[in-house]
Amino acid sequence: MCKLENVKVGIRDLNFTAHRGKMLVRLTDGREIIVPVSFFPDIKQMSVKERNRWMILDDQYFTFENLTRVYSLLDLMRVA
């Protein structure tokens, strides 16, 4: 896990329906990050059905069934 402000944190859940046009990322410490999907053009081009096929890898990374790119928690922190 990565250390942010001396707190170990990881990705717990992704949600694309809570906020229109945005990605809600729930963290293991209870915090939430909301970022516009437009910051991630390859995710923006995916259908809602495809976006719901996400996978979390080692609490720090996420990807999708139909996507070869892997994003990290640090990628989210840079745009949040």
C-alpha atoms as a PDB file:
ATOM      1  CA  MET A   1       0.000   0.000   0.000  1.00  0.00           C
ATOM      2  CA  CYS A   2       1.089   3.535  -0.648  1.00  0.00           C
ATOM      3  CA  LYS A   3       1.515   6.042   2.139  1.00  0.00           C
ATOM      4  CA  LEU A   4      -0.385   9.290   1.885  1.00  0.00           C
ATOM      5  CA  GLU A   5      -0.018  11.571   4.904  1.00  0.00           C
ATOM      6  CA  ASN A   6       1.280   8.624   6.969  1.00  0.00           C
ATOM      7  CA  VAL A   7      -1.921   6.660   6.357  1.00  0.00           C
ATOM      8  CA  LYS A   8      -1.850   3.389   4.479  1.00  0.00           C
ATOM      9  CA  VAL A   9      -4.546   3.578   1.854  1.00  0.00           C
ATOM     10  CA  GLY A  10      -5.747   1.518  -1.075  1.00  0.00           C
ATOM     11  CA  ILE A  11      -8.603   1.386  -3.563  1.00  0.00           C
ATOM     12  CA  ARG A  12     -11.725  -0.375  -2.292  1.00  0.00           C
ATOM     13  CA  ASP A  13     -14.358   0.329  -4.947  1.00  0.00           C
ATOM     14  CA  LEU A  14     -15.109   2.208  -8.181  1.00  0.00           C
ATOM     15  CA  ASN A  15     -18.494   3.673  -9.068  1.00  0.00           C
ATOM     16  CA  PHE A  16     -19.504   5.315 -12.338  1.00  0.00           C
ATOM     17  CA  THR A  17     -23.206   5.841 -11.618  1.00  0.00           C
ATOM     18  CA  ALA A  18     -23.158   7.911  -8.402  1.00  0.00           C
ATOM     19  CA  HIS A  19     -22.194  11.128 -10.215  1.00  0.00           C
ATOM     20  CA  ARG A  20     -22.933  11.696 -13.894  1.00  0.00           C
ATOM     21  CA  GLY A  21     -19.740  12.022 -15.923  1.00  0.00           C
ATOM     22  CA  LYS A  22     -17.569  11.306 -12.913  1.00  0.00           C
ATOM     23  CA  MET A  23     -15.764   8.381 -11.355  1.00  0.00           C
ATOM     24  CA  LEU A  24     -16.180   7.860  -7.612  1.00  0.00           C
ATOM     25  CA  VAL A  25     -13.308   5.973  -6.017  1.00  0.00           C
ATOM     26  CA  ARG A  26     -13.775   4.716  -2.470  1.00  0.00           C
ATOM     27  CA  LEU A  27     -10.575   4.219  -0.513  1.00  0.00           C
ATOM     28  CA  THR A  28      -9.861   1.658   2.182  1.00  0.00           C
ATOM     29  CA  ASP A  29      -9.602   4.375   4.842  1.00  0.00           C
ATOM     30  CA  GLY A  30     -13.150   5.614   4.106  1.00  0.00           C
ATOM     31  CA  ARG A  31     -12.259   8.646   2.005  1.00  0.00           C
ATOM     32  CA  GLU A  32     -13.697   9.143  -1.473  1.00  0.00           C
ATOM     33  CA  ILE A  33     -12.182  10.701  -4.573  1.00  0.00           C
ATOM     34  CA  ILE A  34     -14.435  12.037  -7.326  1.00  0.00           C
ATOM     35  CA  VAL A  35     -12.801  12.807 -10.669  1.00  0.00           C
ATOM     36  CA  PRO A  36     -14.262  13.635 -14.079  1.00  0.00           C
ATOM     37  CA  VAL A  37     -14.161  10.671 -16.434  1.00  0.00           C
ATOM     38  CA  SER A  38     -12.937  13.136 -19.088  1.00  0.00           C
ATOM     39  CA  PHE A  39      -9.523  13.120 -17.346  1.00  0.00           C
ATOM     40  CA  PHE A  40      -9.176   9.518 -18.564  1.00  0.00           C
ATOM     41  CA  PRO A  41     -10.048   9.531 -22.301  1.00  0.00           C
ATOM     42  CA  ASP A  42      -9.853   5.757 -22.751  1.00  0.00           C
ATOM     43  CA  ILE A  43     -12.296   5.223 -19.860  1.00  0.00           C
ATOM     44  CA  LYS A  44     -14.581   7.973 -21.179  1.00  0.00           C
ATOM     45  CA  GLN A  45     -14.874   6.131 -24.508  1.00  0.00           C
ATOM     46  CA  MET A  46     -16.042   2.942 -22.785  1.00  0.00           C
ATOM     47  CA  SER A  47     -19.729   2.106 -22.450  1.00  0.00           C
ATOM     48  CA  VAL A  48     -21.322   2.070 -19.000  1.00  0.00           C
ATOM     49  CA  LYS A  49     -21.431  -1.718 -19.192  1.00  0.00           C
ATOM     50  CA  GLU A  50     -17.679  -1.854 -19.935  1.00  0.00           C
ATOM     51  CA  ARG A  51     -16.898   0.589 -17.106  1.00  0.00           C
ATOM     52  CA  ASN A  52     -18.642  -1.690 -14.654  1.00  0.00           C
ATOM     53  CA  ARG A  53     -16.172  -4.481 -15.466  1.00  0.00           C
ATOM     54  CA  TRP A  54     -13.359  -2.995 -13.391  1.00  0.00           C
ATOM     55  CA  MET A  55     -10.741  -4.883 -11.412  1.00  0.00           C
ATOM     56  CA  ILE A  56      -8.636  -3.714  -8.476  1.00  0.00           C
ATOM     57  CA  LEU A  57      -5.086  -5.052  -8.395  1.00  0.00           C
ATOM     58  CA  ASP A  58      -3.077  -5.091  -5.137  1.00  0.00           C
ATOM     59  CA  ASP A  59      -5.235  -2.283  -3.645  1.00  0.00           C
ATOM     60  CA  GLN A  60      -3.168   0.258  -5.595  1.00  0.00           C
ATOM     61  CA  TYR A  61      -4.153  -0.229  -9.226  1.00  0.00           C
ATOM     62  CA  PHE A  62      -7.273  -0.646 -11.305  1.00  0.00           C
ATOM     63  CA  THR A  63      -8.053  -1.671 -14.848  1.00  0.00           C
ATOM     64  CA  PHE A  64     -10.965  -2.899 -16.907  1.00  0.00           C
ATOM     65  CA  GLU A  65     -11.754  -6.145 -18.673  1.00  0.00           C
ATOM     66  CA  ASN A  66     -11.522  -4.498 -22.131  1.00  0.00           C
ATOM     67  CA  LEU A  67      -8.617  -2.148 -21.401  1.00  0.00           C
ATOM     68  CA  THR A  68      -4.898  -2.894 -21.485  1.00  0.00           C
ATOM     69  CA  ARG A  69      -3.889   0.174 -19.471  1.00  0.00           C
ATOM     70  CA  VAL A  70      -3.565  -0.055 -15.698  1.00  0.00           C
ATOM     71  CA  TYR A  71      -4.161   3.048 -13.572  1.00  0.00           C
ATOM     72  CA  SER A  72      -2.779   3.626 -10.090  1.00  0.00           C
ATOM     73  CA  LEU A  73      -4.007   5.357  -6.969  1.00  0.00           C
ATOM     74  CA  LEU A  74      -1.289   7.943  -7.588  1.00  0.00           C
ATOM     75  CA  ASP A  75      -2.795   8.643 -11.034  1.00  0.00           C
ATOM     76  CA  LEU A  76      -6.056   9.511  -9.270  1.00  0.00           C
ATOM     77  CA  MET A  77      -4.331  11.694  -6.693  1.00  0.00           C
ATOM     78  CA  ARG A  78      -2.647  13.718  -9.430  1.00  0.00           C
ATOM     79  CA  VAL A  79      -5.982  14.739 -10.951  1.00  0.00           C
ATOM     80  CA  ALA A  80      -8.122  14.987  -7.801  1.00  0.00           C
END
